[in-house]
Amino acid sequence: MLDKSKDTSSRLEALRQYVTNDFLYANPDSAIQIAKMGIDLAEKAEFKNEIAFGFYCLGVANNYLGKTDDAIRYQNQSLEISKGIKDTTMMTKALNNLGNIYLNNSDFGKAIDCYQTCQKLLEEKENERGVAVCKNNIGLVFYDLEDYEQALIYLNGALDIYKNLGSENKVYESIGNYKEAMEMQMMFRELRDSIHSEKNHLAVLKSEYKFNQERKIKIEMLNHEKEIYASQIRYKKLVLLFLGVLSITILAFLFTIKNREKQNLIEQEKLLDQVKFLKKKLSVQSVAAPISDKTSLNLNRKIIEKAINTKIGESSWIILNLIFNNPSISNKEIAEEVSLSLEGVSSSLRRMYQAFDIKTSSNKKITLIMKATRLSFEN
């Protein structure tokens, strides 16, 4: 039984070396096949640490193939199994790779959570190399977020550990991310060669941050000024358009009013001429009539009331006679003659318009007196 277990362990170790050294990054498809073989073998032997490692490899390979959902699912499986057996090393591998996946997909919040959890576990194990990698990764997240002050804090922390360790090639290898180790190692070297002191390092990043912020502010200000200018132009155009439309509307309204007034005056003149003609005709008839039949040229109240089938009040009768004697008389002049208010005169006129069935909208008084005259003298 022990020989069989030992044989399984040897086979799993061979598969582990095979997948990580030869296929994981160079040929992800082959790495997936080998990792699945390892998982099957480990499940039969109930080697949970190897099962967790197999799912970790599947997560890495699927991530390189661009299968993000599968990669996240496999890494979470690896993480859960590792938690169950309290395998801190495998937990940090899964967490770091999950952070990389989230970072590559711009899910910065989840990336930081994974890296910080990983950092805490590594700090508990006093794994300084791993802590340096986590700090560097968190710094890269903040750099992508353009939060350069936070990025500087974490990157400086990673560089401090990196310098103290003095082992450049092992920083990322501690959590098994060899490709990331090579790329980040090149970045560290460039940073170390180009920045000779902590003071210069801080100054360069602050200068870059300040330059980017100032440029961003200038661009925003310029865009804001352009928008204000464009808004002002649009506003001026709208004001000019409004004023133009308003002017045309006012001119059209004034023209209509003027034309209506002109038409009313013409109509009024015609009506006044008709009233004069009617009075003249009645005057001639009165002169030509026999002495016994002659009557003064006044309105006949009884005939009018009978014709309109309505009693005319005393004030209204006085107003009607005033209009008869002077068809052009104004309401104000009538009010002064009969000692009524303007509203009282208007109210009496409205009642007479209704009684005499005056439908016209203009020159109502002249129309009223013409009808009253005809009723009085032609009946």
Protein backbone atom coordinates (compact mmCIF):
# COMPACT_ATOMS: atom_id res chain seq x y z
CA MET A 1 0.00 0.00 0.00
CA LEU A 2 2.85 2.36 0.87
CA ASP A 3 4.62 1.48 -2.37
CA LYS A 4 1.46 2.32 -4.33
CA SER A 5 1.10 5.67 -2.56
CA LYS A 6 4.74 6.43 -3.14
CA ASP A 7 4.38 5.53 -6.80
CA THR A 8 1.37 7.86 -7.12
CA SER A 9 3.32 10.68 -5.46
CA SER A 10 6.19 10.18 -7.87
CA ARG A 11 3.89 10.21 -10.86
CA LEU A 12 2.15 13.37 -9.59
CA GLU A 13 5.50 15.07 -8.98
CA ALA A 14 6.58 14.19 -12.52
CA LEU A 15 3.34 15.61 -13.93
CA ARG A 16 3.79 18.75 -11.78
CA GLN A 17 7.27 19.36 -13.13
CA TYR A 18 6.15 18.52 -16.64
CA VAL A 19 3.22 20.93 -16.69
CA THR A 20 4.97 23.82 -14.94
CA ASN A 21 8.36 23.66 -16.63
CA ASP A 22 7.38 22.73 -20.17
CA PHE A 23 3.75 23.53 -20.97
CA LEU A 24 1.98 25.92 -18.58
CA TYR A 25 2.98 29.10 -20.42
CA ALA A 26 4.43 27.77 -23.67
CA ASN A 27 1.56 25.41 -24.59
CA PRO A 28 -1.54 26.03 -22.44
CA ASP A 29 -3.68 23.47 -24.31
CA SER A 30 -1.24 20.65 -23.49
CA ALA A 31 -0.93 21.96 -19.93
CA ILE A 32 -4.72 21.62 -19.52
CA GLN A 33 -4.63 17.95 -20.61
CA ILE A 34 -1.74 17.12 -18.28
CA ALA A 35 -3.35 19.01 -15.36
CA LYS A 36 -6.60 17.06 -15.80
CA MET A 37 -4.60 13.79 -15.76
CA GLY A 38 -2.98 14.93 -12.54
CA ILE A 39 -6.34 15.84 -10.97
CA ASP A 40 -7.81 12.43 -11.84
CA LEU A 41 -4.79 10.66 -10.36
CA ALA A 42 -4.80 12.86 -7.23
CA GLU A 43 -8.56 12.36 -6.65
CA LYS A 44 -8.14 8.58 -6.72
CA ALA A 45 -5.32 8.84 -4.20
CA GLU A 46 -7.16 11.58 -2.24
CA PHE A 47 -4.15 13.91 -2.46
CA LYS A 48 -6.01 17.17 -1.94
CA ASN A 49 -2.94 19.36 -2.19
CA GLU A 50 -2.26 17.95 -5.67
CA ILE A 51 -5.92 18.40 -6.64
CA ALA A 52 -5.64 22.05 -5.60
CA PHE A 53 -2.45 22.39 -7.64
CA GLY A 54 -4.15 20.83 -10.68
CA PHE A 55 -7.03 23.33 -10.55
CA TYR A 56 -4.49 26.14 -10.12
CA CYS A 57 -2.73 25.02 -13.34
CA LEU A 58 -6.07 24.83 -15.16
CA GLY A 59 -6.79 28.41 -14.02
CA VAL A 60 -3.44 29.70 -15.27
CA ALA A 61 -3.69 27.90 -18.62
CA ASN A 62 -7.26 29.04 -19.27
CA ASN A 63 -6.30 32.61 -18.40
CA TYR A 64 -3.55 32.55 -21.05
CA LEU A 65 -6.08 31.20 -23.53
CA GLY A 66 -8.37 34.15 -22.77
CA LYS A 67 -11.04 32.00 -21.09
CA THR A 68 -11.55 34.34 -18.16
CA ASP A 69 -14.67 32.74 -16.62
CA ASP A 70 -13.12 29.25 -16.66
CA ALA A 71 -9.86 30.62 -15.25
CA ILE A 72 -11.66 32.30 -12.33
CA ARG A 73 -13.73 29.17 -11.65
CA TYR A 74 -10.66 26.89 -11.52
CA GLN A 75 -8.67 29.26 -9.31
CA ASN A 76 -11.58 29.51 -6.88
CA GLN A 77 -11.78 25.71 -6.77
CA SER A 78 -8.06 25.57 -6.02
CA LEU A 79 -8.48 28.24 -3.33
CA GLU A 80 -11.38 26.45 -1.60
CA ILE A 81 -9.56 23.10 -1.52
CA SER A 82 -6.39 24.81 -0.21
CA LYS A 83 -8.39 26.52 2.55
CA GLY A 84 -9.85 23.16 3.56
CA ILE A 85 -6.43 21.62 4.06
CA LYS A 86 -4.87 24.91 5.26
CA ASP A 87 -2.26 24.86 2.49
CA THR A 88 -1.10 28.48 2.69
CA THR A 89 1.34 28.16 -0.19
CA MET A 90 -1.33 26.96 -2.58
CA MET A 91 -3.79 29.56 -1.26
CA THR A 92 -1.36 32.39 -2.06
CA LYS A 93 -0.72 30.98 -5.53
CA ALA A 94 -4.46 30.91 -6.29
CA LEU A 95 -5.09 34.36 -4.77
CA ASN A 96 -2.22 35.94 -6.68
CA ASN A 97 -3.38 34.42 -9.96
CA LEU A 98 -6.97 35.52 -9.30
CA GLY A 99 -5.64 39.03 -8.71
CA ASN A 100 -3.79 38.91 -12.04
CA ILE A 101 -6.94 37.78 -13.86
CA TYR A 102 -9.05 40.57 -12.32
CA LEU A 103 -6.32 43.13 -13.04
CA ASN A 104 -6.11 42.07 -16.70
CA ASN A 105 -9.89 42.49 -16.95
CA SER A 106 -9.85 45.91 -15.21
CA ASP A 107 -11.81 44.63 -12.20
CA PHE A 108 -9.52 46.64 -9.93
CA GLY A 109 -11.50 46.28 -6.69
CA LYS A 110 -11.43 42.47 -6.77
CA ALA A 111 -7.77 42.50 -7.86
CA ILE A 112 -6.78 44.57 -4.81
CA ASP A 113 -8.83 42.31 -2.49
CA CYS A 114 -7.04 39.20 -3.79
CA TYR A 115 -3.58 40.76 -3.58
CA GLN A 116 -4.15 42.14 -0.07
CA THR A 117 -5.50 38.79 1.21
CA CYS A 118 -2.49 37.08 -0.35
CA GLN A 119 -0.15 39.66 1.24
CA LYS A 120 -1.67 39.07 4.70
CA LEU A 121 -1.16 35.31 4.44
CA LEU A 122 2.43 35.77 3.30
CA GLU A 123 3.15 38.23 6.10
CA GLU A 124 1.88 35.65 8.62
CA LYS A 125 4.33 33.15 7.10
CA GLU A 126 7.08 35.83 7.04
CA ASN A 127 7.51 35.26 3.32
CA GLU A 128 9.15 38.56 2.39
CA ARG A 129 9.58 37.72 -1.28
CA GLY A 130 5.88 36.97 -1.62
CA VAL A 131 4.96 40.15 0.26
CA ALA A 132 7.14 42.15 -2.15
CA VAL A 133 5.33 40.64 -5.12
CA CYS A 134 1.92 41.45 -3.61
CA LYS A 135 2.95 45.03 -2.86
CA ASN A 136 4.24 45.39 -6.42
CA ASN A 137 0.99 44.02 -7.86
CA ILE A 138 -1.14 46.34 -5.72
CA GLY A 139 1.09 49.23 -6.84
CA LEU A 140 0.42 48.30 -10.48
CA VAL A 141 -3.34 48.32 -9.83
CA PHE A 142 -3.18 51.83 -8.37
CA TYR A 143 -0.93 52.88 -11.28
CA ASP A 144 -3.61 51.73 -13.74
CA LEU A 145 -6.15 53.66 -11.67
CA GLU A 146 -3.88 56.74 -12.01
CA ASP A 147 -3.68 56.98 -8.22
CA TYR A 148 0.08 57.61 -8.36
CA GLU A 149 0.51 58.42 -4.68
CA GLN A 150 -0.84 55.02 -3.60
CA ALA A 151 1.07 53.33 -6.43
CA LEU A 152 4.29 54.95 -5.16
CA ILE A 153 3.68 53.75 -1.58
CA TYR A 154 3.24 50.10 -2.61
CA LEU A 155 6.00 50.08 -5.26
CA ASN A 156 8.42 51.67 -2.79
CA GLY A 157 7.48 49.00 -0.25
CA ALA A 158 8.18 46.28 -2.81
CA LEU A 159 11.53 47.85 -3.76
CA ASP A 160 12.60 48.13 -0.13
CA ILE A 161 11.99 44.42 0.43
CA TYR A 162 13.58 43.64 -2.91
CA LYS A 163 16.74 45.55 -2.03
CA ASN A 164 16.97 43.96 1.42
CA LEU A 165 16.64 40.47 -0.02
CA GLY A 166 19.23 41.09 -2.73
CA SER A 167 17.85 38.15 -4.69
CA GLU A 168 16.35 39.57 -7.83
CA ASN A 169 15.52 36.34 -9.56
CA LYS A 170 13.50 34.85 -6.71
CA VAL A 171 10.92 37.54 -5.89
CA TYR A 172 8.14 36.21 -8.10
CA GLU A 173 9.28 32.61 -8.15
CA SER A 174 8.17 32.33 -4.51
CA ILE A 175 4.54 32.11 -5.62
CA GLY A 176 5.15 30.19 -8.82
CA ASN A 177 4.44 32.94 -11.37
CA TYR A 178 7.54 32.53 -13.53
CA LYS A 179 6.47 34.54 -16.57
CA GLU A 180 5.37 37.43 -14.33
CA ALA A 181 8.70 37.09 -12.51
CA MET A 182 10.65 37.60 -15.70
CA GLU A 183 8.56 40.61 -16.84
CA MET A 184 8.48 42.28 -13.43
CA GLN A 185 12.19 41.59 -12.91
CA MET A 186 12.95 43.59 -16.04
CA MET A 187 10.77 46.41 -14.69
CA PHE A 188 12.59 46.36 -11.33
CA ARG A 189 15.95 46.54 -13.04
CA GLU A 190 14.91 49.47 -15.16
CA LEU A 191 13.59 51.27 -12.09
CA ARG A 192 16.76 50.54 -10.10
CA ASP A 193 19.09 51.62 -12.89
CA SER A 194 17.21 54.83 -13.67
CA ILE A 195 16.61 55.94 -10.06
CA HIS A 196 19.78 56.31 -7.97
CA SER A 197 18.21 57.40 -4.72
CA GLU A 198 14.89 57.30 -2.94
CA LYS A 199 14.65 61.06 -3.19
CA ASN A 200 15.07 61.05 -6.97
CA HIS A 201 12.67 58.14 -7.25
CA LEU A 202 10.00 60.04 -5.36
CA ALA A 203 10.66 63.22 -7.34
CA VAL A 204 10.33 61.48 -10.70
CA LEU A 205 7.00 59.84 -9.86
CA LYS A 206 5.67 63.00 -8.26
CA SER A 207 6.78 65.00 -11.28
CA GLU A 208 5.03 62.54 -13.60
CA TYR A 209 1.93 62.60 -11.44
CA LYS A 210 1.95 66.41 -11.31
CA PHE A 211 2.52 66.67 -15.05
CA ASN A 212 -0.33 64.26 -15.80
CA GLN A 213 -2.65 66.02 -13.38
CA GLU A 214 -1.80 69.48 -14.76
CA ARG A 215 -2.25 68.26 -18.32
CA LYS A 216 -5.54 66.64 -17.38
CA ILE A 217 -6.71 69.84 -15.68
CA LYS A 218 -5.62 71.97 -18.66
CA ILE A 219 -7.43 69.67 -21.08
CA GLU A 220 -10.55 69.76 -18.90
CA MET A 221 -10.34 73.56 -18.64
CA LEU A 222 -9.86 73.87 -22.40
CA ASN A 223 -12.78 71.56 -23.09
CA HIS A 224 -14.84 73.48 -20.54
CA GLU A 225 -13.95 76.79 -22.17
CA LYS A 226 -14.82 75.37 -25.58
CA GLU A 227 -18.14 74.16 -24.24
CA ILE A 228 -18.84 77.55 -22.65
CA TYR A 229 -17.95 79.32 -25.90
CA ALA A 230 -20.11 76.92 -27.89
CA SER A 231 -22.94 77.40 -25.39
CA GLN A 232 -22.60 81.17 -25.66
CA ILE A 233 -22.74 80.98 -29.46
CA ARG A 234 -25.79 78.72 -29.28
CA TYR A 235 -27.39 81.06 -26.75
CA LYS A 236 -26.73 84.13 -28.92
CA LYS A 237 -28.17 82.37 -31.95
CA LEU A 238 -31.24 81.37 -29.97
CA VAL A 239 -31.63 84.92 -28.63
CA LEU A 240 -31.30 86.37 -32.14
CA LEU A 241 -33.73 83.82 -33.49
CA PHE A 242 -36.15 84.54 -30.65
CA LEU A 243 -35.85 88.30 -31.17
CA GLY A 244 -36.36 87.85 -34.91
CA VAL A 245 -39.46 85.73 -34.42
CA LEU A 246 -40.71 88.09 -31.71
CA SER A 247 -40.16 91.13 -33.95
CA ILE A 248 -41.98 89.49 -36.85
CA THR A 249 -44.81 88.45 -34.51
CA ILE A 250 -45.11 91.96 -33.05
CA LEU A 251 -45.02 93.56 -36.50
CA ALA A 252 -47.66 91.13 -37.75
CA PHE A 253 -49.78 91.80 -34.65
CA LEU A 254 -49.42 95.58 -35.02
CA PHE A 255 -50.22 95.34 -38.71
CA THR A 256 -53.31 93.27 -37.91
CA ILE A 257 -54.40 95.72 -35.21
CA LYS A 258 -53.74 98.70 -37.48
CA ASN A 259 -55.56 97.09 -40.36
CA ARG A 260 -58.47 96.17 -38.08
CA GLU A 261 -58.61 99.72 -36.75
CA LYS A 262 -58.59 101.02 -40.30
CA GLN A 263 -61.36 98.65 -41.30
CA ASN A 264 -63.35 99.64 -38.20
CA LEU A 265 -62.94 103.32 -39.04
CA ILE A 266 -64.08 102.72 -42.61
CA GLU A 267 -67.03 100.69 -41.37
CA GLN A 268 -67.79 103.34 -38.74
CA GLU A 269 -67.78 106.09 -41.38
CA LYS A 270 -70.13 104.06 -43.53
CA LEU A 271 -72.46 103.42 -40.61
CA LEU A 272 -72.38 107.06 -39.58
CA ASP A 273 -73.22 108.03 -43.15
CA GLN A 274 -76.11 105.60 -43.08
CA VAL A 275 -77.34 107.08 -39.78
CA LYS A 276 -77.10 110.60 -41.19
CA PHE A 277 -78.89 109.52 -44.35
CA LEU A 278 -81.59 107.82 -42.32
CA LYS A 279 -82.04 110.91 -40.13
CA LYS A 280 -82.13 113.13 -43.19
CA LYS A 281 -84.73 110.89 -44.83
CA LEU A 282 -86.85 110.89 -41.71
CA SER A 283 -86.53 114.67 -41.42
CA VAL A 284 -87.75 115.16 -45.00
CA GLN A 285 -90.65 112.78 -44.38
CA SER A 286 -91.54 114.75 -41.27
CA VAL A 287 -91.58 118.07 -43.15
CA ALA A 288 -93.63 116.66 -46.05
CA ALA A 289 -96.24 115.10 -43.77
CA PRO A 290 -99.54 116.94 -42.99
CA ILE A 291 -99.43 119.21 -39.97
CA SER A 292 -101.69 116.87 -38.03
CA ASP A 293 -99.29 113.90 -38.67
CA LYS A 294 -96.00 115.71 -37.95
CA THR A 295 -93.92 114.37 -35.04
CA SER A 296 -90.61 115.51 -33.64
CA LEU A 297 -87.52 113.58 -34.73
CA ASN A 298 -87.11 111.53 -31.52
CA LEU A 299 -86.96 107.81 -30.81
CA ASN A 300 -90.31 106.19 -30.00
CA ARG A 301 -89.88 104.19 -26.81
CA LYS A 302 -93.15 102.27 -26.99
CA ILE A 303 -92.61 101.15 -30.60
CA ILE A 304 -89.03 100.07 -29.86
CA GLU A 305 -89.98 98.15 -26.68
CA LYS A 306 -92.79 96.42 -28.53
CA ALA A 307 -90.46 95.52 -31.41
CA ILE A 308 -87.76 94.05 -29.16
CA ASN A 309 -90.31 92.67 -26.67
CA THR A 310 -88.26 94.05 -23.76
CA LYS A 311 -88.70 96.97 -21.37
CA ILE A 312 -85.87 99.49 -21.58
CA GLY A 313 -84.67 100.91 -18.27
CA GLU A 314 -84.56 104.65 -17.69
CA SER A 315 -80.77 104.87 -17.72
CA SER A 316 -80.58 102.71 -20.85
CA TRP A 317 -83.22 104.89 -22.57
CA ILE A 318 -81.25 108.07 -21.80
CA ILE A 319 -78.07 106.40 -23.13
CA LEU A 320 -79.88 105.29 -26.30
CA ASN A 321 -81.09 108.86 -26.95
CA LEU A 322 -77.61 110.28 -26.35
CA ILE A 323 -76.24 107.89 -28.97
CA PHE A 324 -79.11 108.80 -31.31
CA ASN A 325 -78.20 112.48 -31.05
CA ASN A 326 -74.43 111.79 -31.29
CA PRO A 327 -73.53 108.34 -32.71
CA SER A 328 -69.79 109.02 -32.15
CA ILE A 329 -70.19 109.71 -28.43
CA SER A 330 -67.75 107.81 -26.19
CA ASN A 331 -68.61 105.75 -23.12
CA LYS A 332 -66.80 108.27 -20.94
CA GLU A 333 -68.89 111.13 -22.32
CA ILE A 334 -72.06 109.09 -21.78
CA ALA A 335 -71.03 108.39 -18.18
CA GLU A 336 -70.59 112.10 -17.55
CA GLU A 337 -74.00 112.90 -19.06
CA VAL A 338 -75.98 110.31 -17.11
CA SER A 339 -73.88 110.37 -13.92
CA LEU A 340 -72.96 106.70 -14.16
CA SER A 341 -69.66 104.89 -13.85
CA LEU A 342 -67.98 103.54 -16.98
CA GLU A 343 -68.84 100.03 -15.81
CA GLY A 344 -72.48 101.08 -15.38
CA VAL A 345 -72.57 102.48 -18.93
CA SER A 346 -70.93 99.32 -20.31
CA SER A 347 -73.41 97.13 -18.41
CA SER A 348 -76.41 99.08 -19.85
CA LEU A 349 -74.97 98.84 -23.36
CA ARG A 350 -74.43 95.08 -23.02
CA ARG A 351 -78.07 94.63 -22.00
CA MET A 352 -79.23 96.68 -25.00
CA TYR A 353 -76.96 94.78 -27.40
CA GLN A 354 -78.56 91.59 -26.17
CA ALA A 355 -82.10 93.01 -26.34
CA PHE A 356 -81.61 94.38 -29.86
CA ASP A 357 -79.79 91.19 -30.95
CA ILE A 358 -76.60 92.99 -32.01
CA LYS A 359 -74.16 90.31 -33.23
CA THR A 360 -71.39 92.43 -34.73
CA SER A 361 -68.06 92.61 -32.86
CA SER A 362 -67.24 96.21 -33.77
CA ASN A 363 -69.10 99.56 -34.00
CA LYS A 364 -71.83 98.12 -31.80
CA LYS A 365 -73.20 101.49 -30.65
CA ILE A 366 -73.71 102.75 -34.22
CA THR A 367 -75.30 99.44 -35.23
CA LEU A 368 -77.49 99.67 -32.14
CA ILE A 369 -78.73 103.18 -32.92
CA MET A 370 -79.36 102.31 -36.59
CA LYS A 371 -81.57 99.41 -35.57
CA ALA A 372 -83.33 101.51 -32.91
CA THR A 373 -83.95 104.29 -35.47
CA ARG A 374 -85.40 101.90 -38.05
CA LEU A 375 -87.64 100.28 -35.47
CA SER A 376 -88.80 103.65 -34.18
CA PHE A 377 -89.61 105.32 -37.52
CA GLU A 378 -90.26 102.55 -40.04
CA ASN A 379 -92.93 100.75 -38.00
